[in-house]
N, C-alpha and C. Protein backbone atom coordinates (compact mmCIF):
# COMPACT_ATOMS: atom_id res chain seq x y z
N MET A 1 115.69 -106.01 -22.74
CA MET A 1 115.34 -104.72 -23.30
C MET A 1 115.29 -103.65 -22.23
N LYS A 2 115.83 -102.47 -22.51
CA LYS A 2 115.98 -101.34 -21.58
C LYS A 2 115.33 -100.07 -22.23
N GLU A 3 114.62 -99.33 -21.40
CA GLU A 3 113.82 -98.16 -21.85
C GLU A 3 113.88 -97.18 -20.82
N LYS A 4 114.24 -95.90 -21.13
CA LYS A 4 114.22 -94.77 -20.09
C LYS A 4 112.81 -94.30 -19.87
N CYS A 5 112.41 -94.30 -18.58
CA CYS A 5 111.01 -93.95 -18.22
C CYS A 5 111.06 -92.98 -16.99
N GLU A 6 109.83 -92.46 -16.75
CA GLU A 6 109.57 -91.70 -15.51
C GLU A 6 108.36 -92.20 -14.82
N GLY A 7 108.27 -92.11 -13.53
CA GLY A 7 107.10 -92.47 -12.82
C GLY A 7 107.01 -91.89 -11.39
N ILE A 8 106.03 -92.31 -10.72
CA ILE A 8 105.75 -91.83 -9.37
C ILE A 8 105.87 -93.00 -8.37
N VAL A 9 106.52 -92.89 -7.28
CA VAL A 9 106.61 -93.92 -6.28
C VAL A 9 105.26 -94.20 -5.70
N GLU A 10 104.77 -95.38 -5.86
CA GLU A 10 103.43 -95.63 -5.31
C GLU A 10 103.60 -96.08 -3.79
N TRP A 11 104.58 -96.90 -3.55
CA TRP A 11 104.92 -97.26 -2.14
C TRP A 11 106.41 -97.75 -2.07
N PHE A 12 106.99 -97.64 -0.85
CA PHE A 12 108.33 -98.12 -0.66
C PHE A 12 108.50 -98.59 0.81
N LYS A 13 108.92 -99.85 1.02
CA LYS A 13 109.07 -100.39 2.37
C LYS A 13 110.48 -100.19 2.75
N GLN A 14 110.89 -99.24 3.46
CA GLN A 14 112.28 -98.95 3.78
C GLN A 14 112.90 -100.15 4.55
N GLU A 15 112.13 -100.74 5.49
CA GLU A 15 112.72 -101.79 6.26
C GLU A 15 112.98 -103.10 5.44
N GLU A 16 112.26 -103.17 4.34
CA GLU A 16 112.42 -104.40 3.45
C GLU A 16 113.32 -104.05 2.22
N GLY A 17 113.31 -102.76 1.81
CA GLY A 17 114.23 -102.30 0.82
C GLY A 17 113.70 -102.51 -0.58
N TYR A 18 112.31 -102.46 -0.76
CA TYR A 18 111.78 -102.56 -2.03
C TYR A 18 110.41 -101.79 -2.15
N GLY A 19 109.90 -101.67 -3.40
CA GLY A 19 108.71 -100.94 -3.55
C GLY A 19 108.09 -101.02 -4.94
N SER A 20 107.23 -100.07 -5.24
CA SER A 20 106.56 -100.10 -6.50
C SER A 20 106.49 -98.63 -7.10
N ILE A 21 106.64 -98.58 -8.40
CA ILE A 21 106.69 -97.30 -9.13
C ILE A 21 105.48 -97.39 -10.13
N LEU A 22 104.64 -96.33 -10.16
CA LEU A 22 103.67 -96.23 -11.26
C LEU A 22 104.25 -95.56 -12.49
N LEU A 23 104.14 -96.18 -13.60
CA LEU A 23 104.73 -95.61 -14.86
C LEU A 23 103.84 -94.44 -15.26
N SER A 24 104.44 -93.37 -15.62
CA SER A 24 103.75 -92.11 -16.09
C SER A 24 103.09 -92.40 -17.42
N GLY A 25 101.84 -92.07 -17.48
CA GLY A 25 101.12 -92.14 -18.71
C GLY A 25 100.58 -93.54 -19.04
N ILE A 26 100.78 -94.48 -18.16
CA ILE A 26 100.28 -95.88 -18.45
C ILE A 26 99.47 -96.30 -17.21
N ASP A 27 98.14 -96.33 -17.41
CA ASP A 27 97.23 -96.74 -16.31
C ASP A 27 97.51 -98.05 -15.74
N ASP A 28 97.59 -98.14 -14.47
CA ASP A 28 97.71 -99.36 -13.68
C ASP A 28 98.91 -100.21 -14.18
N SER A 29 100.00 -99.46 -14.49
CA SER A 29 101.27 -100.22 -14.77
C SER A 29 102.31 -100.02 -13.68
N HIS A 30 102.61 -100.98 -13.01
CA HIS A 30 103.49 -101.09 -11.88
C HIS A 30 104.88 -101.66 -12.13
N VAL A 31 105.87 -101.08 -11.57
CA VAL A 31 107.29 -101.48 -11.83
C VAL A 31 107.95 -101.79 -10.44
N PHE A 32 108.56 -102.91 -10.28
CA PHE A 32 109.22 -103.26 -9.02
C PHE A 32 110.54 -102.46 -8.99
N VAL A 33 110.88 -102.03 -7.69
CA VAL A 33 112.12 -101.31 -7.48
C VAL A 33 112.70 -101.88 -6.17
N HIS A 34 114.01 -102.05 -6.29
CA HIS A 34 114.80 -102.51 -5.10
C HIS A 34 115.84 -101.41 -4.82
N PHE A 35 116.08 -101.35 -3.46
CA PHE A 35 116.98 -100.19 -3.03
C PHE A 35 118.25 -100.18 -3.74
N SER A 36 118.80 -101.35 -4.13
CA SER A 36 120.08 -101.47 -4.77
C SER A 36 120.11 -100.83 -6.16
N SER A 37 118.88 -100.56 -6.72
CA SER A 37 118.69 -99.98 -8.01
C SER A 37 118.70 -98.39 -7.96
N ILE A 38 118.69 -97.86 -6.71
CA ILE A 38 118.57 -96.35 -6.52
C ILE A 38 119.99 -95.83 -6.73
N VAL A 39 120.27 -94.85 -7.57
CA VAL A 39 121.58 -94.33 -7.78
C VAL A 39 122.04 -93.61 -6.48
N PRO A 40 123.30 -93.98 -6.02
CA PRO A 40 123.79 -93.34 -4.77
C PRO A 40 123.89 -91.83 -4.96
N ASP A 41 123.61 -91.15 -3.84
CA ASP A 41 123.61 -89.66 -3.87
C ASP A 41 124.03 -89.27 -2.49
N SER A 42 125.24 -88.78 -2.33
CA SER A 42 125.83 -88.49 -0.90
C SER A 42 125.06 -87.31 -0.27
N ASN A 43 124.47 -86.42 -1.09
CA ASN A 43 123.67 -85.33 -0.47
C ASN A 43 122.30 -85.81 0.03
N ARG A 44 121.66 -86.61 -0.76
CA ARG A 44 120.35 -87.13 -0.38
C ARG A 44 120.45 -88.23 0.59
N PHE A 45 121.49 -89.12 0.48
CA PHE A 45 121.62 -90.26 1.41
C PHE A 45 123.03 -90.21 2.03
N PRO A 46 123.25 -89.35 2.96
CA PRO A 46 124.54 -89.21 3.52
C PRO A 46 125.11 -90.42 4.33
N ASP A 47 124.07 -91.21 4.78
CA ASP A 47 124.55 -92.41 5.60
C ASP A 47 124.69 -93.63 4.63
N GLY A 48 124.41 -93.41 3.34
CA GLY A 48 124.51 -94.52 2.39
C GLY A 48 123.27 -95.40 2.17
N PHE A 49 122.30 -95.24 3.17
CA PHE A 49 121.07 -95.99 3.10
C PHE A 49 120.19 -95.38 2.06
N ARG A 50 119.87 -96.09 0.93
CA ARG A 50 118.98 -95.54 -0.14
C ARG A 50 117.59 -95.99 0.02
N TYR A 51 116.60 -95.08 -0.21
CA TYR A 51 115.20 -95.34 -0.04
C TYR A 51 114.43 -94.38 -0.92
N LEU A 52 113.14 -94.72 -1.19
CA LEU A 52 112.28 -93.78 -1.83
C LEU A 52 111.06 -93.48 -0.97
N SER A 53 110.35 -92.45 -1.25
CA SER A 53 109.20 -92.01 -0.48
C SER A 53 107.97 -91.89 -1.45
N LYS A 54 106.79 -92.31 -0.95
CA LYS A 54 105.63 -92.23 -1.64
C LYS A 54 105.42 -90.88 -2.31
N GLY A 55 105.03 -90.85 -3.56
CA GLY A 55 104.78 -89.57 -4.24
C GLY A 55 105.98 -89.00 -4.95
N GLN A 56 107.20 -89.46 -4.68
CA GLN A 56 108.39 -88.88 -5.41
C GLN A 56 108.34 -89.17 -6.89
N ARG A 57 108.71 -88.21 -7.70
CA ARG A 57 108.90 -88.45 -9.08
C ARG A 57 110.28 -88.97 -9.40
N VAL A 58 110.43 -90.04 -10.17
CA VAL A 58 111.64 -90.58 -10.41
C VAL A 58 111.85 -90.96 -11.96
N SER A 59 113.07 -90.96 -12.36
CA SER A 59 113.40 -91.57 -13.69
C SER A 59 114.20 -92.84 -13.51
N PHE A 60 114.12 -93.71 -14.47
CA PHE A 60 114.75 -94.99 -14.36
C PHE A 60 114.82 -95.70 -15.64
N ASP A 61 115.67 -96.77 -15.66
CA ASP A 61 115.65 -97.69 -16.90
C ASP A 61 114.72 -98.74 -16.60
N LEU A 62 113.72 -98.97 -17.54
CA LEU A 62 112.77 -100.02 -17.40
C LEU A 62 113.38 -101.30 -18.01
N ILE A 63 113.45 -102.34 -17.13
CA ILE A 63 114.03 -103.60 -17.58
C ILE A 63 112.94 -104.64 -17.71
N GLU A 64 112.75 -105.29 -18.79
CA GLU A 64 111.80 -106.40 -18.86
C GLU A 64 112.49 -107.63 -18.45
N THR A 65 111.80 -108.29 -17.43
CA THR A 65 112.38 -109.45 -16.74
C THR A 65 111.35 -110.60 -16.74
N PRO A 66 111.03 -111.20 -17.89
CA PRO A 66 109.94 -112.19 -17.87
C PRO A 66 110.33 -113.47 -17.23
N GLU A 67 111.54 -113.61 -16.90
CA GLU A 67 111.99 -114.91 -16.20
C GLU A 67 111.67 -114.98 -14.78
N LEU A 68 111.28 -113.81 -14.12
CA LEU A 68 110.95 -113.74 -12.72
C LEU A 68 109.74 -114.51 -12.41
N SER A 69 109.75 -115.36 -11.41
CA SER A 69 108.59 -116.29 -11.11
C SER A 69 107.49 -115.65 -10.30
N ASP A 70 107.74 -114.45 -9.76
CA ASP A 70 106.81 -113.80 -8.89
C ASP A 70 105.71 -112.96 -9.62
N GLY A 71 105.78 -113.05 -10.98
CA GLY A 71 104.81 -112.37 -11.76
C GLY A 71 105.10 -110.93 -12.11
N GLN A 72 106.18 -110.41 -11.54
CA GLN A 72 106.59 -109.01 -11.75
C GLN A 72 107.50 -108.99 -12.96
N ALA A 73 106.99 -108.58 -14.09
CA ALA A 73 107.71 -108.65 -15.38
C ALA A 73 108.64 -107.48 -15.63
N LYS A 74 108.41 -106.39 -14.95
CA LYS A 74 109.17 -105.04 -15.22
C LYS A 74 109.83 -104.74 -13.89
N THR A 75 111.12 -104.28 -14.01
CA THR A 75 111.84 -103.78 -12.81
C THR A 75 112.54 -102.49 -13.20
N ALA A 76 112.75 -101.55 -12.22
CA ALA A 76 113.40 -100.35 -12.38
C ALA A 76 114.86 -100.45 -11.99
N ARG A 77 115.74 -99.94 -12.80
CA ARG A 77 117.21 -99.91 -12.55
C ARG A 77 117.71 -98.44 -12.77
N ASN A 78 118.74 -98.14 -12.10
CA ASN A 78 119.38 -96.72 -12.25
C ASN A 78 118.32 -95.66 -11.89
N VAL A 79 117.71 -95.84 -10.77
CA VAL A 79 116.67 -94.93 -10.43
C VAL A 79 117.27 -93.64 -9.81
N VAL A 80 116.70 -92.52 -10.40
CA VAL A 80 117.16 -91.16 -10.00
C VAL A 80 115.91 -90.39 -9.52
N ILE A 81 115.97 -89.73 -8.37
CA ILE A 81 114.91 -88.98 -7.83
C ILE A 81 114.89 -87.61 -8.43
N LEU A 82 113.72 -87.32 -9.01
CA LEU A 82 113.59 -85.99 -9.76
C LEU A 82 112.96 -84.97 -8.80
N SER A 83 111.99 -85.33 -7.93
CA SER A 83 111.37 -84.46 -7.10
C SER A 83 110.95 -85.15 -5.85
N ASN A 84 110.84 -84.43 -4.68
CA ASN A 84 110.39 -84.96 -3.45
C ASN A 84 108.92 -85.03 -3.31
C-alpha cells in the first residue's frame, strides 16, 4: 500500500544514512527513511550525497512494510524536501 504524506524530520544520521520522520497530524507516528529514498536534487545535493536535517518539512510516499523484522512497519520513499 502507498499513500502520499507529509511530515517533519525527527532525526537523521548522515554518517549512517537513515533517520526518522514524524507524520503530520498523527501523534507519535514515526516513519523510517533511508538516504536512497531521498529524491536526487543537483541544486540541493551537488556532490550527490543525499541527507535530511532535523526539522525539515518533507513529502513522501508512505509504504507499509509489515514484513520487516525490526518492528518498523512504515517506510518513506520518494522523499522530497519542502522546506529547510
